[in-house]
């Protein structure tokens, strides 16, 4: 299963606006994507509550995983999004 490890770049971490932007982008992908921190259980990237429950702060490494046609492209797009400071964009 393809995966990407990325460091959260948003100053507020995966909270509020950055989480909403990430979840919206994940929902548009043609494959189901999961996200996790460390050894925690992976959660659906399309679920706002699940993403917020990770408590990922700025600098936290998260692992994105997906399977199926388009998985690599979806993971690249989402990893690029997470690496940016989404608090500053906008």
C-alpha atoms as a PDB file:
ATOM      1  CA  UNK A   1       0.000   0.000   0.000  1.00  0.00           C
ATOM      2  CA  UNK A   2       1.492   3.366  -1.000  1.00  0.00           C
ATOM      3  CA  UNK A   3       2.193   5.791   1.831  1.00  0.00           C
ATOM      4  CA  UNK A   4       3.720   9.201   2.454  1.00  0.00           C
ATOM      5  CA  UNK A   5       5.251  10.571   5.633  1.00  0.00           C
ATOM      6  CA  UNK A   6       4.911  14.333   5.910  1.00  0.00           C
ATOM      7  CA  UNK A   7       5.537  16.964   8.566  1.00  0.00           C
ATOM      8  CA  UNK A   8       2.534  19.186   9.320  1.00  0.00           C
ATOM      9  CA  UNK A   9       3.481  22.705   8.226  1.00  0.00           C
ATOM     10  CA  UNK A  10       0.535  24.755   9.482  1.00  0.00           C
ATOM     11  CA  UNK A  11       1.283  26.935  12.504  1.00  0.00           C
ATOM     12  CA  UNK A  12      -1.883  25.719  14.251  1.00  0.00           C
ATOM     13  CA  UNK A  13      -1.313  22.096  13.213  1.00  0.00           C
ATOM     14  CA  UNK A  14      -4.241  20.090  11.888  1.00  0.00           C
ATOM     15  CA  UNK A  15      -6.841  22.217  13.607  1.00  0.00           C
ATOM     16  CA  UNK A  16      -9.736  24.381  12.389  1.00  0.00           C
ATOM     17  CA  UNK A  17      -9.069  25.834   8.922  1.00  0.00           C
ATOM     18  CA  UNK A  18      -6.061  23.643   7.966  1.00  0.00           C
ATOM     19  CA  UNK A  19      -7.967  20.494   8.949  1.00  0.00           C
ATOM     20  CA  UNK A  20     -11.036  21.612   7.005  1.00  0.00           C
ATOM     21  CA  UNK A  21      -8.944  22.258   3.883  1.00  0.00           C
ATOM     22  CA  UNK A  22      -7.217  18.890   4.224  1.00  0.00           C
ATOM     23  CA  UNK A  23     -10.466  16.965   4.769  1.00  0.00           C
ATOM     24  CA  UNK A  24     -12.088  18.689   1.765  1.00  0.00           C
ATOM     25  CA  UNK A  25      -9.111  17.790  -0.441  1.00  0.00           C
ATOM     26  CA  UNK A  26      -9.146  14.187   0.823  1.00  0.00           C
ATOM     27  CA  UNK A  27     -12.867  13.888   0.078  1.00  0.00           C
ATOM     28  CA  UNK A  28     -12.220  14.830  -3.571  1.00  0.00           C
ATOM     29  CA  UNK A  29      -9.740  11.992  -4.097  1.00  0.00           C
ATOM     30  CA  UNK A  30     -10.765   8.929  -6.129  1.00  0.00           C
ATOM     31  CA  UNK A  31      -9.387   6.613  -3.411  1.00  0.00           C
ATOM     32  CA  UNK A  32      -9.916   6.326   0.330  1.00  0.00           C
ATOM     33  CA  UNK A  33      -7.032   7.871   2.228  1.00  0.00           C
ATOM     34  CA  UNK A  34      -6.140   7.279   5.861  1.00  0.00           C
ATOM     35  CA  UNK A  35      -3.963   9.385   8.144  1.00  0.00           C
ATOM     36  CA  UNK A  36      -2.199   8.520  11.385  1.00  0.00           C
ATOM     37  CA  UNK A  37       0.454   9.779  13.754  1.00  0.00           C
ATOM     38  CA  UNK A  38       3.150   7.466  15.067  1.00  0.00           C
ATOM     39  CA  UNK A  39       1.798   4.077  16.008  1.00  0.00           C
ATOM     40  CA  UNK A  40      -1.773   5.293  16.496  1.00  0.00           C
ATOM     41  CA  UNK A  41      -4.616   3.705  14.555  1.00  0.00           C
ATOM     42  CA  UNK A  42      -5.148   5.152  11.081  1.00  0.00           C
ATOM     43  CA  UNK A  43      -8.312   7.234  10.658  1.00  0.00           C
ATOM     44  CA  UNK A  44     -10.232   8.246   7.516  1.00  0.00           C
ATOM     45  CA  UNK A  45      -8.810  11.444   6.031  1.00  0.00           C
ATOM     46  CA  UNK A  46     -12.339  12.387   4.879  1.00  0.00           C
ATOM     47  CA  UNK A  47     -13.589  12.658   8.487  1.00  0.00           C
ATOM     48  CA  UNK A  48     -13.123  16.043  10.170  1.00  0.00           C
ATOM     49  CA  UNK A  49     -13.646  14.627  13.674  1.00  0.00           C
ATOM     50  CA  UNK A  50     -11.182  11.806  13.045  1.00  0.00           C
ATOM     51  CA  UNK A  51      -8.525  14.168  11.700  1.00  0.00           C
ATOM     52  CA  UNK A  52      -8.988  16.555  14.644  1.00  0.00           C
ATOM     53  CA  UNK A  53      -8.749  13.602  17.062  1.00  0.00           C
ATOM     54  CA  UNK A  54      -5.136  13.034  15.963  1.00  0.00           C
ATOM     55  CA  UNK A  55      -4.093  16.225  17.735  1.00  0.00           C
ATOM     56  CA  UNK A  56      -1.371  16.828  15.132  1.00  0.00           C
ATOM     57  CA  UNK A  57       0.541  20.022  15.884  1.00  0.00           C
ATOM     58  CA  UNK A  58       2.961  21.973  13.700  1.00  0.00           C
ATOM     59  CA  UNK A  59       6.002  19.751  13.172  1.00  0.00           C
ATOM     60  CA  UNK A  60       4.157  16.476  13.835  1.00  0.00           C
ATOM     61  CA  UNK A  61       4.940  13.694  11.373  1.00  0.00           C
ATOM     62  CA  UNK A  62       1.850  12.058   9.930  1.00  0.00           C
ATOM     63  CA  UNK A  63       1.560   9.031   7.672  1.00  0.00           C
ATOM     64  CA  UNK A  64      -0.895   9.058   4.772  1.00  0.00           C
ATOM     65  CA  UNK A  65      -1.897   5.744   3.174  1.00  0.00           C
ATOM     66  CA  UNK A  66      -4.131   4.861   0.238  1.00  0.00           C
ATOM     67  CA  UNK A  67      -4.686   1.959  -2.109  1.00  0.00           C
ATOM     68  CA  UNK A  68      -6.084   1.665  -5.612  1.00  0.00           C
ATOM     69  CA  UNK A  69      -5.896   3.490  -8.918  1.00  0.00           C
ATOM     70  CA  UNK A  70      -4.714   7.037  -8.346  1.00  0.00           C
ATOM     71  CA  UNK A  71      -3.342   6.373  -4.842  1.00  0.00           C
ATOM     72  CA  UNK A  72       0.117   7.809  -5.536  1.00  0.00           C
ATOM     73  CA  UNK A  73      -1.265  10.971  -7.096  1.00  0.00           C
ATOM     74  CA  UNK A  74      -3.748  11.447  -4.251  1.00  0.00           C
ATOM     75  CA  UNK A  75      -1.035  10.962  -1.636  1.00  0.00           C
ATOM     76  CA  UNK A  76       1.328  13.386  -3.382  1.00  0.00           C
ATOM     77  CA  UNK A  77      -1.362  16.067  -3.545  1.00  0.00           C
ATOM     78  CA  UNK A  78      -2.391  15.647   0.095  1.00  0.00           C
ATOM     79  CA  UNK A  79       1.208  15.476   1.341  1.00  0.00           C
ATOM     80  CA  UNK A  80       2.020  18.719  -0.488  1.00  0.00           C
ATOM     81  CA  UNK A  81      -1.022  20.343   1.103  1.00  0.00           C
ATOM     82  CA  UNK A  82      -0.100  19.226   4.635  1.00  0.00           C
ATOM     83  CA  UNK A  83       3.492  20.423   4.290  1.00  0.00           C
ATOM     84  CA  UNK A  84       2.373  24.004   3.612  1.00  0.00           C
ATOM     85  CA  UNK A  85       1.399  26.542   6.262  1.00  0.00           C
ATOM     86  CA  UNK A  86      -2.319  26.594   5.477  1.00  0.00           C
ATOM     87  CA  UNK A  87      -2.811  29.294   8.124  1.00  0.00           C
ATOM     88  CA  UNK A  88      -0.699  31.666   6.012  1.00  0.00           C
ATOM     89  CA  UNK A  89      -2.349  30.714   2.688  1.00  0.00           C
ATOM     90  CA  UNK A  90      -5.556  32.433   2.087  1.00  0.00           C
END
